[in-house]
Amino acid sequence: MNKPKINRPEESQPAHALWYDRKKYVTVTFMVQRPKDVKVDIQPDKMILCCKNDTDDVFYNELHFFDKVIIHDSRERVYDRTINLLLRKAKPDCAWPRLQRDPAKPSWISVDFDNWRDWEHEEDDGKEEYDRYMDMIQDLASKKGEIPDMGDLSDSD
């Protein structure tokens, strides 16, 4: 079954993306407020994202990967403020020094330093951690209206 080809809209801008590398996966998070009309096409050597945000700005990102990914084991999830891609590497245990094939880095791609780490000497495959992370993000998104209880941070009782 072929997905419809995603064409670049005439007036569009790239969504800002954060990425990090793990042994078996690469994670890319596109920052879009309340994304809608989301279309994602993940191919073995590239991906295309097209969507709108809450003010109908049109976003379009096309990215040629540093290395091949396994499309049937890659997926996207749409949240309130992000579109998250989990890309299964075709060559696990092979570090990606950058997200894209071209060494010239587009201004819209940044390394997600909060999640980055040197995994080359670790044993875990990252998927369990990713699933925990995604569940946590989903949980936070569903509770965004609540104020966290910070009573345990108080110095005086």
N, C-alpha and C. Protein backbone atom coordinates (compact mmCIF):
# COMPACT_ATOMS: atom_id res chain seq x y z
N MET A 1 0.85 -1.18 0.00
CA MET A 1 0.00 0.00 0.00
C MET A 1 0.89 1.24 0.00
N ASN A 2 0.72 2.09 -0.98
CA ASN A 2 1.54 3.29 -1.11
C ASN A 2 0.87 4.47 -0.44
N LYS A 3 1.68 5.22 0.30
CA LYS A 3 1.16 6.44 0.92
C LYS A 3 1.12 7.52 -0.16
N PRO A 4 0.16 8.45 -0.06
CA PRO A 4 0.17 9.55 -1.03
C PRO A 4 1.43 10.39 -0.83
N LYS A 5 1.98 10.87 -1.94
CA LYS A 5 3.19 11.68 -1.86
C LYS A 5 2.85 13.01 -1.20
N ILE A 6 3.73 13.46 -0.32
CA ILE A 6 3.52 14.74 0.36
C ILE A 6 4.29 15.80 -0.42
N ASN A 7 3.57 16.76 -0.96
CA ASN A 7 4.20 17.84 -1.71
C ASN A 7 4.45 19.03 -0.79
N ARG A 8 5.54 19.75 -1.07
CA ARG A 8 5.86 20.93 -0.27
C ARG A 8 4.84 22.03 -0.56
N PRO A 9 4.14 22.51 0.49
CA PRO A 9 3.19 23.62 0.29
C PRO A 9 3.95 24.88 -0.13
N GLU A 10 3.29 25.73 -0.90
CA GLU A 10 3.96 26.94 -1.39
C GLU A 10 4.47 27.81 -0.26
N GLU A 11 3.61 28.07 0.72
CA GLU A 11 4.04 28.91 1.85
C GLU A 11 4.15 28.04 3.07
N SER A 12 5.38 27.68 3.41
CA SER A 12 5.60 26.84 4.58
C SER A 12 6.94 27.19 5.20
N GLN A 13 7.12 26.72 6.42
CA GLN A 13 8.39 26.91 7.12
C GLN A 13 8.73 25.59 7.79
N PRO A 14 10.01 25.34 8.05
CA PRO A 14 10.34 24.10 8.75
C PRO A 14 10.00 24.22 10.24
N ALA A 15 9.52 23.12 10.81
CA ALA A 15 9.31 23.06 12.26
C ALA A 15 10.67 22.80 12.91
N HIS A 16 10.92 23.41 14.07
CA HIS A 16 12.18 23.17 14.77
C HIS A 16 12.19 21.73 15.28
N ALA A 17 13.34 21.07 15.15
CA ALA A 17 13.44 19.66 15.53
C ALA A 17 14.61 19.44 16.49
N LEU A 18 14.37 18.62 17.52
CA LEU A 18 15.42 18.17 18.44
C LEU A 18 15.61 16.69 18.20
N TRP A 19 16.85 16.22 18.24
CA TRP A 19 17.09 14.80 17.99
C TRP A 19 18.15 14.26 18.92
N TYR A 20 18.10 12.95 19.16
CA TYR A 20 19.17 12.26 19.88
C TYR A 20 19.28 10.83 19.39
N ASP A 21 20.44 10.26 19.64
CA ASP A 21 20.85 8.98 19.11
C ASP A 21 20.90 7.95 20.23
N ARG A 22 20.42 6.73 19.95
CA ARG A 22 20.56 5.60 20.85
C ARG A 22 21.11 4.42 20.05
N LYS A 23 21.37 3.31 20.75
CA LYS A 23 21.97 2.14 20.06
C LYS A 23 21.14 1.68 18.87
N LYS A 24 19.84 1.54 19.07
CA LYS A 24 19.00 0.96 18.03
C LYS A 24 18.01 1.94 17.41
N TYR A 25 17.88 3.11 18.03
CA TYR A 25 16.89 4.08 17.56
C TYR A 25 17.51 5.47 17.46
N VAL A 26 16.86 6.30 16.63
CA VAL A 26 17.11 7.74 16.62
C VAL A 26 15.75 8.37 16.91
N THR A 27 15.73 9.35 17.80
CA THR A 27 14.49 10.03 18.15
C THR A 27 14.53 11.47 17.65
N VAL A 28 13.47 11.89 16.97
CA VAL A 28 13.35 13.26 16.47
C VAL A 28 12.04 13.82 17.00
N THR A 29 12.10 14.99 17.61
CA THR A 29 10.92 15.67 18.15
C THR A 29 10.73 16.99 17.43
N PHE A 30 9.62 17.14 16.72
CA PHE A 30 9.30 18.39 16.03
C PHE A 30 8.43 19.23 16.94
N MET A 31 8.82 20.49 17.14
CA MET A 31 8.12 21.38 18.05
C MET A 31 7.02 22.13 17.28
N VAL A 32 5.77 21.70 17.46
CA VAL A 32 4.63 22.34 16.79
C VAL A 32 3.50 22.44 17.81
N GLN A 33 2.99 23.66 18.00
CA GLN A 33 1.89 23.87 18.94
C GLN A 33 0.59 23.32 18.37
N ARG A 34 -0.04 22.40 19.10
CA ARG A 34 -1.32 21.79 18.71
C ARG A 34 -1.33 21.41 17.23
N PRO A 35 -0.48 20.46 16.85
CA PRO A 35 -0.39 20.09 15.43
C PRO A 35 -1.69 19.48 14.92
N LYS A 36 -2.01 19.80 13.67
CA LYS A 36 -3.19 19.23 13.02
C LYS A 36 -2.86 18.96 11.55
N ASP A 37 -3.73 18.18 10.90
CA ASP A 37 -3.50 17.76 9.51
C ASP A 37 -2.09 17.20 9.34
N VAL A 38 -1.68 16.39 10.32
CA VAL A 38 -0.31 15.86 10.33
C VAL A 38 -0.16 14.73 9.31
N LYS A 39 0.83 14.89 8.43
CA LYS A 39 1.19 13.85 7.47
C LYS A 39 2.67 13.57 7.66
N VAL A 40 2.99 12.31 7.89
CA VAL A 40 4.39 11.90 8.05
C VAL A 40 4.66 10.75 7.08
N ASP A 41 5.72 10.86 6.32
CA ASP A 41 6.13 9.80 5.41
C ASP A 41 7.56 9.41 5.78
N ILE A 42 7.71 8.22 6.38
CA ILE A 42 9.04 7.72 6.75
C ILE A 42 9.45 6.71 5.69
N GLN A 43 10.57 6.98 5.03
CA GLN A 43 11.14 6.10 4.03
C GLN A 43 12.48 5.59 4.55
N PRO A 44 13.08 4.56 3.92
CA PRO A 44 14.34 4.03 4.44
C PRO A 44 15.46 5.07 4.55
N ASP A 45 15.47 6.06 3.66
CA ASP A 45 16.58 7.01 3.66
C ASP A 45 16.17 8.45 3.94
N LYS A 46 14.88 8.70 4.12
CA LYS A 46 14.44 10.08 4.40
C LYS A 46 13.07 10.09 5.04
N MET A 47 12.68 11.27 5.53
CA MET A 47 11.33 11.45 6.05
C MET A 47 10.82 12.82 5.63
N ILE A 48 9.49 12.90 5.53
CA ILE A 48 8.83 14.17 5.23
C ILE A 48 7.73 14.36 6.26
N LEU A 49 7.64 15.56 6.80
CA LEU A 49 6.58 15.94 7.73
C LEU A 49 5.88 17.16 7.16
N CYS A 50 4.56 17.15 7.19
CA CYS A 50 3.79 18.32 6.79
C CYS A 50 2.62 18.43 7.76
N CYS A 51 2.41 19.64 8.33
CA CYS A 51 1.30 19.84 9.26
C CYS A 51 1.02 21.32 9.42
N LYS A 52 -0.01 21.60 10.20
CA LYS A 52 -0.33 22.99 10.58
C LYS A 52 -0.31 23.07 12.09
N ASN A 53 -0.16 24.29 12.62
CA ASN A 53 -0.25 24.48 14.07
C ASN A 53 -1.59 25.13 14.41
N ASP A 54 -1.74 25.54 15.67
CA ASP A 54 -3.01 26.09 16.13
C ASP A 54 -3.39 27.41 15.47
N THR A 55 -2.42 28.11 14.83
CA THR A 55 -2.74 29.37 14.13
C THR A 55 -2.66 29.17 12.61
N ASP A 56 -2.73 27.92 12.16
CA ASP A 56 -2.73 27.55 10.74
C ASP A 56 -1.45 27.90 9.98
N ASP A 57 -0.32 28.07 10.72
CA ASP A 57 0.96 28.17 10.03
C ASP A 57 1.25 26.78 9.47
N VAL A 58 1.81 26.74 8.27
CA VAL A 58 2.10 25.47 7.62
C VAL A 58 3.58 25.12 7.82
N PHE A 59 3.83 23.90 8.29
CA PHE A 59 5.20 23.42 8.50
C PHE A 59 5.50 22.29 7.53
N TYR A 60 6.71 22.30 7.00
CA TYR A 60 7.15 21.25 6.09
C TYR A 60 8.63 20.98 6.37
N ASN A 61 8.94 19.73 6.66
CA ASN A 61 10.33 19.32 6.90
C ASN A 61 10.62 18.11 6.01
N GLU A 62 11.74 18.18 5.32
CA GLU A 62 12.22 17.04 4.55
C GLU A 62 13.64 16.77 5.01
N LEU A 63 13.90 15.52 5.34
CA LEU A 63 15.18 15.19 5.97
C LEU A 63 15.73 13.90 5.38
N HIS A 64 16.93 13.97 4.81
CA HIS A 64 17.61 12.79 4.31
C HIS A 64 18.51 12.27 5.44
N PHE A 65 18.22 11.06 5.91
CA PHE A 65 18.89 10.52 7.09
C PHE A 65 20.38 10.27 6.87
N PHE A 66 21.12 10.32 7.97
CA PHE A 66 22.54 9.99 7.96
C PHE A 66 22.75 8.56 7.48
N ASP A 67 21.86 7.65 7.90
CA ASP A 67 21.95 6.25 7.50
C ASP A 67 20.52 5.71 7.35
N LYS A 68 20.38 4.49 6.89
CA LYS A 68 19.06 3.91 6.64
C LYS A 68 18.32 3.57 7.94
N VAL A 69 16.98 3.62 7.85
CA VAL A 69 16.12 3.21 8.96
C VAL A 69 15.17 2.11 8.48
N ILE A 70 14.65 1.35 9.43
CA ILE A 70 13.70 0.29 9.12
C ILE A 70 12.30 0.87 9.27
N ILE A 71 11.61 1.05 8.15
CA ILE A 71 10.35 1.80 8.21
C ILE A 71 9.24 1.06 8.95
N HIS A 72 9.16 -0.28 8.85
CA HIS A 72 8.06 -0.99 9.52
C HIS A 72 8.24 -1.00 11.04
N ASP A 73 9.41 -0.63 11.53
CA ASP A 73 9.65 -0.58 12.97
C ASP A 73 9.92 0.85 13.44
N SER A 74 9.51 1.81 12.62
CA SER A 74 9.63 3.23 12.98
C SER A 74 8.21 3.77 13.07
N ARG A 75 8.02 4.78 13.92
CA ARG A 75 6.66 5.31 14.05
C ARG A 75 6.68 6.76 14.53
N GLU A 76 5.51 7.39 14.40
CA GLU A 76 5.37 8.76 14.90
C GLU A 76 4.20 8.80 15.88
N ARG A 77 4.30 9.74 16.82
CA ARG A 77 3.20 10.00 17.75
C ARG A 77 2.99 11.50 17.80
N VAL A 78 1.72 11.90 17.76
CA VAL A 78 1.37 13.32 17.77
C VAL A 78 0.87 13.69 19.16
N TYR A 79 1.45 14.74 19.72
CA TYR A 79 1.06 15.23 21.05
C TYR A 79 0.62 16.68 20.94
N ASP A 80 0.32 17.28 22.09
CA ASP A 80 -0.21 18.64 22.13
C ASP A 80 0.78 19.70 21.63
N ARG A 81 2.07 19.49 21.87
CA ARG A 81 3.07 20.49 21.47
C ARG A 81 4.18 19.92 20.60
N THR A 82 4.12 18.62 20.32
CA THR A 82 5.20 17.99 19.56
C THR A 82 4.68 16.87 18.66
N ILE A 83 5.50 16.54 17.68
CA ILE A 83 5.33 15.34 16.88
C ILE A 83 6.62 14.56 17.07
N ASN A 84 6.53 13.36 17.65
CA ASN A 84 7.74 12.60 17.99
C ASN A 84 7.90 11.43 17.03
N LEU A 85 9.11 11.29 16.50
CA LEU A 85 9.43 10.18 15.62
C LEU A 85 10.43 9.27 16.29
N LEU A 86 10.16 7.99 16.24
CA LEU A 86 11.09 6.98 16.71
C LEU A 86 11.52 6.20 15.47
N LEU A 87 12.80 6.31 15.10
CA LEU A 87 13.31 5.71 13.88
C LEU A 87 14.23 4.55 14.24
N ARG A 88 13.90 3.36 13.79
CA ARG A 88 14.72 2.17 14.07
C ARG A 88 15.88 2.15 13.07
N LYS A 89 17.09 2.12 13.60
CA LYS A 89 18.28 2.11 12.74
C LYS A 89 18.40 0.78 11.99
N ALA A 90 18.78 0.83 10.73
CA ALA A 90 19.05 -0.38 9.96
C ALA A 90 20.34 -1.03 10.46
N LYS A 91 21.28 -0.20 10.95
CA LYS A 91 22.54 -0.72 11.51
C LYS A 91 22.59 -0.34 12.98
N PRO A 92 22.07 -1.22 13.88
CA PRO A 92 22.15 -0.91 15.31
C PRO A 92 23.60 -0.88 15.76
N ASP A 93 23.84 -0.22 16.87
CA ASP A 93 25.18 -0.09 17.45
C ASP A 93 26.12 0.74 16.58
N CYS A 94 25.57 1.46 15.63
CA CYS A 94 26.39 2.34 14.79
C CYS A 94 25.94 3.77 15.09
N ALA A 95 26.80 4.53 15.75
CA ALA A 95 26.44 5.89 16.17
C ALA A 95 26.24 6.81 14.96
N TRP A 96 25.25 7.67 15.06
CA TRP A 96 25.03 8.70 14.04
C TRP A 96 25.67 9.98 14.55
N PRO A 97 26.70 10.49 13.88
CA PRO A 97 27.32 11.74 14.33
C PRO A 97 26.43 12.95 14.04
N ARG A 98 25.47 12.79 13.15
CA ARG A 98 24.49 13.84 12.84
C ARG A 98 23.22 13.17 12.34
N LEU A 99 22.14 13.90 12.32
CA LEU A 99 20.85 13.35 11.92
C LEU A 99 20.73 13.19 10.41
N GLN A 100 21.27 14.12 9.69
CA GLN A 100 21.07 14.14 8.24
C GLN A 100 22.34 13.76 7.48
N ARG A 101 22.12 13.31 6.24
CA ARG A 101 23.22 12.88 5.38
C ARG A 101 24.19 14.03 5.10
N ASP A 102 23.66 15.19 4.77
CA ASP A 102 24.47 16.35 4.41
C ASP A 102 25.18 16.89 5.65
N PRO A 103 26.51 17.09 5.59
CA PRO A 103 27.22 17.61 6.77
C PRO A 103 26.84 19.05 7.14
N ALA A 104 26.27 19.81 6.20
CA ALA A 104 25.83 21.18 6.51
C ALA A 104 24.51 21.08 7.27
N LYS A 105 24.52 21.50 8.55
CA LYS A 105 23.35 21.34 9.41
C LYS A 105 22.32 22.44 9.15
N PRO A 106 21.07 22.07 8.84
CA PRO A 106 20.02 23.09 8.71
C PRO A 106 19.80 23.79 10.06
N SER A 107 19.41 25.04 10.02
CA SER A 107 19.22 25.82 11.25
C SER A 107 18.08 25.28 12.11
N TRP A 108 17.17 24.50 11.54
CA TRP A 108 16.01 24.01 12.29
C TRP A 108 16.27 22.72 13.04
N ILE A 109 17.48 22.15 12.93
CA ILE A 109 17.80 20.92 13.66
C ILE A 109 18.75 21.24 14.81
N SER A 110 18.42 20.75 16.01
CA SER A 110 19.29 20.88 17.17
C SER A 110 19.42 19.54 17.87
N VAL A 111 20.54 19.34 18.53
CA VAL A 111 20.72 18.14 19.34
C VAL A 111 19.92 18.31 20.63
N ASP A 112 19.22 17.26 21.04
CA ASP A 112 18.47 17.27 22.29
C ASP A 112 19.44 16.87 23.41
N PHE A 113 20.16 17.87 23.95
CA PHE A 113 21.20 17.59 24.95
C PHE A 113 20.62 17.04 26.25
N ASP A 114 19.33 17.30 26.54
CA ASP A 114 18.71 16.74 27.75
C ASP A 114 18.64 15.22 27.68
N ASN A 115 18.56 14.68 26.47
CA ASN A 115 18.44 13.23 26.29
C ASN A 115 19.67 12.59 25.67
N TRP A 116 20.62 13.41 25.28
CA TRP A 116 21.81 12.88 24.63
C TRP A 116 22.72 12.22 25.64
N ARG A 117 23.34 11.11 25.24
CA ARG A 117 24.38 10.54 26.07
C ARG A 117 25.25 9.62 25.22
N ASP A 118 26.43 9.35 25.71
CA ASP A 118 27.34 8.46 25.01
C ASP A 118 26.94 7.03 25.35
N TRP A 119 26.27 6.36 24.41
CA TRP A 119 25.71 5.04 24.68
C TRP A 119 26.61 3.90 24.19
N GLU A 120 27.69 4.23 23.54
CA GLU A 120 28.45 3.19 22.85
C GLU A 120 28.97 2.08 23.76
N HIS A 121 29.06 2.31 25.08
CA HIS A 121 29.55 1.28 25.99
C HIS A 121 28.44 0.79 26.93
N GLU A 122 27.18 1.07 26.57
CA GLU A 122 26.06 0.65 27.40
C GLU A 122 25.40 -0.60 26.83
N GLU A 123 24.61 -1.27 27.68
CA GLU A 123 23.98 -2.52 27.25
C GLU A 123 22.52 -2.35 26.81
N ASP A 124 21.81 -1.37 27.37
CA ASP A 124 20.36 -1.31 27.09
C ASP A 124 20.10 -0.79 25.68
N ASP A 125 18.98 -1.18 25.09
CA ASP A 125 18.73 -0.82 23.70
C ASP A 125 17.97 0.49 23.54
N GLY A 126 17.53 1.10 24.64
CA GLY A 126 16.89 2.42 24.56
C GLY A 126 15.39 2.39 24.35
N LYS A 127 14.83 1.31 23.84
CA LYS A 127 13.39 1.30 23.56
C LYS A 127 12.57 1.40 24.84
N GLU A 128 12.94 0.64 25.86
CA GLU A 128 12.22 0.69 27.13
C GLU A 128 12.27 2.10 27.69
N GLU A 129 13.46 2.72 27.65
CA GLU A 129 13.60 4.09 28.13
C GLU A 129 12.73 5.05 27.30
N TYR A 130 12.72 4.85 25.98
CA TYR A 130 11.92 5.71 25.11
C TYR A 130 10.43 5.57 25.46
N ASP A 131 9.96 4.32 25.64
CA ASP A 131 8.55 4.12 25.98
C ASP A 131 8.20 4.78 27.31
N ARG A 132 9.11 4.68 28.30
CA ARG A 132 8.87 5.36 29.59
C ARG A 132 8.80 6.88 29.37
N TYR A 133 9.72 7.39 28.57
CA TYR A 133 9.77 8.83 28.27
C TYR A 133 8.48 9.27 27.60
N MET A 134 8.02 8.49 26.60
CA MET A 134 6.81 8.87 25.87
C MET A 134 5.59 8.82 26.81
N ASP A 135 5.53 7.81 27.68
CA ASP A 135 4.43 7.73 28.65
C ASP A 135 4.46 8.93 29.58
N MET A 136 5.66 9.33 30.01
CA MET A 136 5.79 10.48 30.90
C MET A 136 5.33 11.76 30.19
N ILE A 137 5.74 11.93 28.93
CA ILE A 137 5.34 13.11 28.17
C ILE A 137 3.81 13.13 28.02
N GLN A 138 3.25 11.98 27.68
CA GLN A 138 1.79 11.88 27.52
C GLN A 138 1.09 12.23 28.83
N ASP A 139 1.62 11.73 29.94
CA ASP A 139 1.07 11.99 31.25
C ASP A 139 1.13 13.48 31.57
N LEU A 140 2.27 14.10 31.28
CA LEU A 140 2.42 15.54 31.53
C LEU A 140 1.45 16.34 30.67
N ALA A 141 1.30 15.94 29.41
CA ALA A 141 0.40 16.66 28.50
C ALA A 141 -1.04 16.60 29.00
N SER A 142 -1.44 15.45 29.58
CA SER A 142 -2.82 15.32 30.05
C SER A 142 -3.06 16.07 31.35
N LYS A 143 -1.98 16.43 32.09
CA LYS A 143 -2.13 17.12 33.37
C LYS A 143 -1.65 18.56 33.30
N LYS A 144 -1.54 19.11 32.09
CA LYS A 144 -0.91 20.42 31.96
C LYS A 144 -1.60 21.54 32.73
N GLY A 145 -2.88 21.35 33.07
CA GLY A 145 -3.58 22.39 33.79
C GLY A 145 -3.31 22.40 35.29
N GLU A 146 -2.82 21.27 35.82
CA GLU A 146 -2.61 21.17 37.26
C GLU A 146 -1.28 21.79 37.67
N ILE A 147 -1.25 22.40 38.83
CA ILE A 147 -0.01 22.96 39.38
C ILE A 147 0.66 21.87 40.20
N PRO A 148 1.94 21.60 39.94
CA PRO A 148 2.60 20.53 40.69
C PRO A 148 2.72 20.90 42.16
N ASP A 149 2.62 19.89 43.04
CA ASP A 149 2.80 20.08 44.47
C ASP A 149 4.29 20.13 44.77
N MET A 150 4.77 21.28 45.20
CA MET A 150 6.20 21.44 45.48
C MET A 150 6.45 21.64 46.97
N GLY A 151 5.54 21.17 47.79
CA GLY A 151 5.66 21.32 49.23
C GLY A 151 6.91 20.70 49.79
N ASP A 152 7.41 19.65 49.15
CA ASP A 152 8.60 18.99 49.66
C ASP A 152 9.88 19.79 49.37
N LEU A 153 9.75 20.88 48.61
CA LEU A 153 10.92 21.71 48.32
C LEU A 153 11.11 22.83 49.35
N SER A 154 10.14 22.99 50.23
CA SER A 154 10.19 24.08 51.21
C SER A 154 11.28 23.85 52.25
N ASP A 155 11.99 24.93 52.63
CA ASP A 155 13.04 24.85 53.64
C ASP A 155 12.45 24.85 55.05
N SER A 156 11.33 25.56 55.22
CA SER A 156 10.77 25.69 56.57
C SER A 156 9.45 24.95 56.66
N ASP A 157 9.23 24.36 57.82
CA ASP A 157 7.95 23.68 58.06
C ASP A 157 7.18 24.36 59.16
